[in-house]
């Protein structure tokens, strides 16, 4: 496939044997664990509740596997799956994806792209880092003139890769595995803001990428 997003819903339904009806569901791609469902049992409904999982997929062939471990030979629990969809990214403009008119300088080897994807923090579109080989980086730069403040949403998916933002080459923050909002105070003068995604050296880590959305610069 092309670079895509995978979406599915899953739910554990437990049996009636106290303390023996629990299990763990695991989703793997190419043999690497990427999601788990071991939520606590709801004693009223006897299930974990439907949960949606959305993950990026690399280009090429990917083997997807869902596993259920009952954790006890007496367990009567079951895993249910629903609405499994793979959606190739639709390319959109950088301005649309970032919701800003800032000018960007892209990595020549692994350029960032604007894509329409359900992974977006606004549910519509976002920027996604290039797809570097293990141990290499994909960078994006913006030039801003202060004083002012720059805000944005960002997210690092997957394993051990790092996703950081730098101001004039100085590290300012690292992204987490959930969408979060960052505010950077920009001092007077011309400055360079850099988003740097470094892919892990390890090929045994889950596929990781970096997302950027909802940029806004306000002069003060």
Protein backbone atom coordinates (compact mmCIF):
# COMPACT_ATOMS: atom_id res chain seq x y z
CA UNK A 1 0.00 0.00 0.00
CA UNK A 2 0.88 3.69 -0.02
CA UNK A 3 1.43 5.48 3.28
CA UNK A 4 -1.98 5.15 4.89
CA UNK A 5 -3.94 5.27 8.11
CA UNK A 6 -5.46 2.16 9.63
CA UNK A 7 -8.61 2.40 11.72
CA UNK A 8 -10.47 -0.31 13.61
CA UNK A 9 -12.72 -0.78 16.61
CA UNK A 10 -12.32 -3.58 19.16
CA UNK A 11 -14.08 -4.76 22.27
CA UNK A 12 -13.48 -7.53 24.80
CA UNK A 13 -16.48 -9.37 26.17
CA UNK A 14 -15.84 -11.40 29.27
CA UNK A 15 -17.32 -14.58 30.67
CA UNK A 16 -18.98 -15.09 34.03
CA UNK A 17 -16.09 -16.71 35.92
CA UNK A 18 -14.80 -14.10 38.46
CA UNK A 19 -11.09 -13.23 38.06
CA UNK A 20 -10.69 -15.80 35.26
CA UNK A 21 -12.51 -14.06 32.45
CA UNK A 22 -9.87 -11.46 31.69
CA UNK A 23 -7.71 -11.44 28.56
CA UNK A 24 -5.36 -9.25 26.57
CA UNK A 25 -5.82 -8.31 22.93
CA UNK A 26 -2.77 -7.26 20.91
CA UNK A 27 -2.50 -5.74 17.45
CA UNK A 28 0.76 -6.20 15.54
CA UNK A 29 2.03 -5.05 12.16
CA UNK A 30 4.89 -7.00 10.62
CA UNK A 31 5.22 -8.87 13.92
CA UNK A 32 5.70 -5.72 16.05
CA UNK A 33 3.16 -4.86 18.77
CA UNK A 34 1.45 -1.52 18.23
CA UNK A 35 -1.74 -1.54 20.30
CA UNK A 36 -3.16 -3.36 23.33
CA UNK A 37 -6.62 -3.81 24.79
CA UNK A 38 -6.54 -4.98 28.39
CA UNK A 39 -9.07 -2.52 29.79
CA UNK A 40 -10.74 -3.31 33.10
CA UNK A 41 -13.95 -5.26 32.96
CA UNK A 42 -17.19 -3.35 33.39
CA UNK A 43 -19.13 -5.46 35.90
CA UNK A 44 -22.46 -4.22 34.55
CA UNK A 45 -21.89 -4.91 30.85
CA UNK A 46 -19.17 -7.61 31.25
CA UNK A 47 -17.07 -5.98 28.53
CA UNK A 48 -14.27 -3.45 28.09
CA UNK A 49 -16.32 -1.22 25.81
CA UNK A 50 -15.75 -0.44 22.14
CA UNK A 51 -12.50 1.46 21.54
CA UNK A 52 -11.22 2.95 18.30
CA UNK A 53 -7.59 2.61 17.26
CA UNK A 54 -6.08 4.81 14.50
CA UNK A 55 -2.48 4.18 13.43
CA UNK A 56 -0.26 5.16 10.48
CA UNK A 57 0.99 2.50 8.08
CA UNK A 58 4.22 2.67 6.11
CA UNK A 59 4.27 2.25 2.34
CA UNK A 60 4.80 -1.27 1.01
CA UNK A 61 3.50 -4.62 2.19
CA UNK A 62 2.39 -4.84 5.83
CA UNK A 63 1.12 -7.92 7.65
CA UNK A 64 -1.61 -7.03 10.16
CA UNK A 65 -2.49 -9.41 12.98
CA UNK A 66 -4.87 -9.30 15.93
CA UNK A 67 -4.21 -11.73 18.80
CA UNK A 68 -6.26 -12.58 21.87
CA UNK A 69 -4.67 -14.15 24.95
CA UNK A 70 -7.31 -15.41 27.43
CA UNK A 71 -4.64 -15.54 30.20
CA UNK A 72 -6.37 -18.59 31.69
CA UNK A 73 -7.56 -21.94 30.23
CA UNK A 74 -10.85 -21.35 32.06
CA UNK A 75 -11.43 -17.95 30.51
CA UNK A 76 -14.56 -17.51 28.42
CA UNK A 77 -13.65 -14.06 27.15
CA UNK A 78 -13.85 -13.10 23.45
CA UNK A 79 -12.42 -10.32 21.27
CA UNK A 80 -14.65 -8.57 18.73
CA UNK A 81 -13.41 -6.45 15.80
CA UNK A 82 -15.39 -4.07 13.62
CA UNK A 83 -15.00 -1.39 10.93
CA UNK A 84 -11.43 -2.21 9.84
CA UNK A 85 -10.47 0.39 7.21
CA UNK A 86 -7.23 1.38 5.47
CA UNK A 87 -7.28 4.89 4.02
CA UNK A 88 -4.41 6.07 1.79
CA UNK A 89 -3.38 9.63 2.56
CA UNK A 90 -4.82 12.23 0.21
CA UNK A 91 -2.29 14.94 -0.57
CA UNK A 92 -3.33 18.51 0.18
CA UNK A 93 -1.55 21.87 0.24
CA UNK A 94 0.83 22.81 3.05
CA UNK A 95 -1.25 25.89 3.87
CA UNK A 96 -4.44 23.82 4.18
CA UNK A 97 -2.76 21.15 6.27
CA UNK A 98 -1.19 23.56 8.76
CA UNK A 99 -3.95 26.20 8.79
CA UNK A 100 -1.34 28.93 8.35
CA UNK A 101 0.39 31.03 5.69
CA UNK A 102 3.90 30.64 7.12
CA UNK A 103 6.66 29.92 4.61
CA UNK A 104 8.42 26.58 5.04
CA UNK A 105 11.73 25.08 3.95
CA UNK A 106 11.43 21.32 3.44
CA UNK A 107 13.89 18.53 3.85
CA UNK A 108 15.35 17.81 0.39
CA UNK A 109 15.71 14.06 1.00
CA UNK A 110 12.63 13.31 3.13
CA UNK A 111 10.15 16.18 2.60
CA UNK A 112 7.07 16.72 4.73
CA UNK A 113 3.63 16.52 3.12
CA UNK A 114 0.18 17.91 3.71
CA UNK A 115 -2.34 15.06 3.89
CA UNK A 116 -6.03 14.50 4.60
CA UNK A 117 -6.21 11.87 7.32
CA UNK A 118 -8.34 10.79 10.31
CA UNK A 119 -5.19 11.11 12.44
CA UNK A 120 -5.45 14.92 12.32
CA UNK A 121 -6.00 16.80 15.57
CA UNK A 122 -8.83 18.71 13.88
CA UNK A 123 -10.12 15.54 12.22
CA UNK A 124 -9.36 16.89 8.74
CA UNK A 125 -5.74 17.34 7.62
CA UNK A 126 -2.20 17.74 8.93
CA UNK A 127 1.45 17.71 7.98
CA UNK A 128 3.32 14.42 8.14
CA UNK A 129 7.08 14.02 8.23
CA UNK A 130 8.93 12.33 5.38
CA UNK A 131 9.68 8.63 5.69
CA UNK A 132 13.42 8.52 6.53
CA UNK A 133 15.42 5.34 6.71
CA UNK A 134 16.41 4.17 10.26
CA UNK A 135 18.81 6.59 11.93
CA UNK A 136 18.02 9.51 9.60
CA UNK A 137 15.91 12.65 10.04
CA UNK A 138 13.17 14.54 8.26
CA UNK A 139 13.15 18.27 9.04
CA UNK A 140 10.84 21.19 8.42
CA UNK A 141 11.80 24.86 8.93
CA UNK A 142 9.78 28.06 9.22
CA UNK A 143 11.10 31.63 9.38
CA UNK A 144 9.33 33.96 11.80
CA UNK A 145 9.92 37.56 12.90
CA UNK A 146 9.35 38.37 16.55
CA UNK A 147 8.30 39.41 18.99
CA UNK A 148 5.33 37.08 19.01
CA UNK A 149 4.10 33.61 19.85
CA UNK A 150 3.90 30.46 17.76
CA UNK A 151 1.40 27.75 18.67
CA UNK A 152 0.88 24.33 17.09
CA UNK A 153 -0.43 20.82 17.73
CA UNK A 154 1.93 17.87 17.31
CA UNK A 155 2.09 14.12 17.78
CA UNK A 156 4.68 11.35 17.54
CA UNK A 157 3.22 7.95 16.78
CA UNK A 158 4.80 4.56 17.42
CA UNK A 159 8.17 3.56 18.86
CA UNK A 160 11.53 5.05 19.81
CA UNK A 161 11.98 7.78 17.22
CA UNK A 162 12.25 11.35 18.53
CA UNK A 163 10.29 14.39 17.40
CA UNK A 164 11.53 17.77 18.64
CA UNK A 165 11.12 21.46 17.94
CA UNK A 166 14.10 23.83 17.94
CA UNK A 167 14.36 27.61 18.00
CA UNK A 168 17.49 28.83 16.21
CA UNK A 169 18.99 25.38 16.71
CA UNK A 170 18.21 25.17 20.44
CA UNK A 171 15.93 22.26 21.48
CA UNK A 172 12.71 23.56 23.05
CA UNK A 173 10.43 20.52 23.49
CA UNK A 174 9.81 16.89 22.50
CA UNK A 175 6.50 15.52 21.26
CA UNK A 176 4.60 12.76 23.07
CA UNK A 177 2.45 9.90 21.80
CA UNK A 178 -0.74 11.96 22.14
CA UNK A 179 -1.78 15.20 20.48
CA UNK A 180 -0.63 18.19 22.52
CA UNK A 181 -0.52 21.95 22.02
CA UNK A 182 2.75 23.89 22.26
CA UNK A 183 3.33 27.64 22.63
CA UNK A 184 6.73 29.07 21.72
CA UNK A 185 7.59 32.64 22.70
CA UNK A 186 9.50 34.25 19.83
CA UNK A 187 11.87 37.09 20.82
CA UNK A 188 12.37 40.23 18.67
CA UNK A 189 14.12 39.74 15.32
CA UNK A 190 14.26 37.03 12.68
CA UNK A 191 14.30 33.41 13.85
CA UNK A 192 14.17 29.86 12.50
CA UNK A 193 11.83 27.26 13.98
CA UNK A 194 12.73 23.66 13.10
CA UNK A 195 10.67 20.51 13.55
CA UNK A 196 12.95 17.49 13.48
CA UNK A 197 11.80 13.87 13.31
CA UNK A 198 14.60 11.34 13.90
CA UNK A 199 13.69 7.75 13.11
CA UNK A 200 14.99 5.05 15.46
CA UNK A 201 18.06 3.07 14.41
CA UNK A 202 16.25 -0.14 15.36
CA UNK A 203 14.30 -1.92 12.64
CA UNK A 204 12.48 -3.92 15.34
CA UNK A 205 10.60 -0.85 16.60
CA UNK A 206 7.02 -0.02 15.54
CA UNK A 207 6.61 2.24 12.53
CA UNK A 208 6.89 5.81 13.83
CA UNK A 209 6.13 9.14 12.26
CA UNK A 210 5.62 12.80 13.21
CA UNK A 211 2.49 14.91 12.68
CA UNK A 212 2.00 18.69 12.81
CA UNK A 213 -1.25 20.65 12.74
CA UNK A 214 -2.98 23.96 13.54
CA UNK A 215 0.00 26.33 13.37
CA UNK A 216 -0.60 29.97 14.26
CA UNK A 217 1.85 32.87 14.68
CA UNK A 218 0.69 36.00 16.50
CA UNK A 219 2.83 39.14 16.54
CA UNK A 220 3.00 41.07 19.80
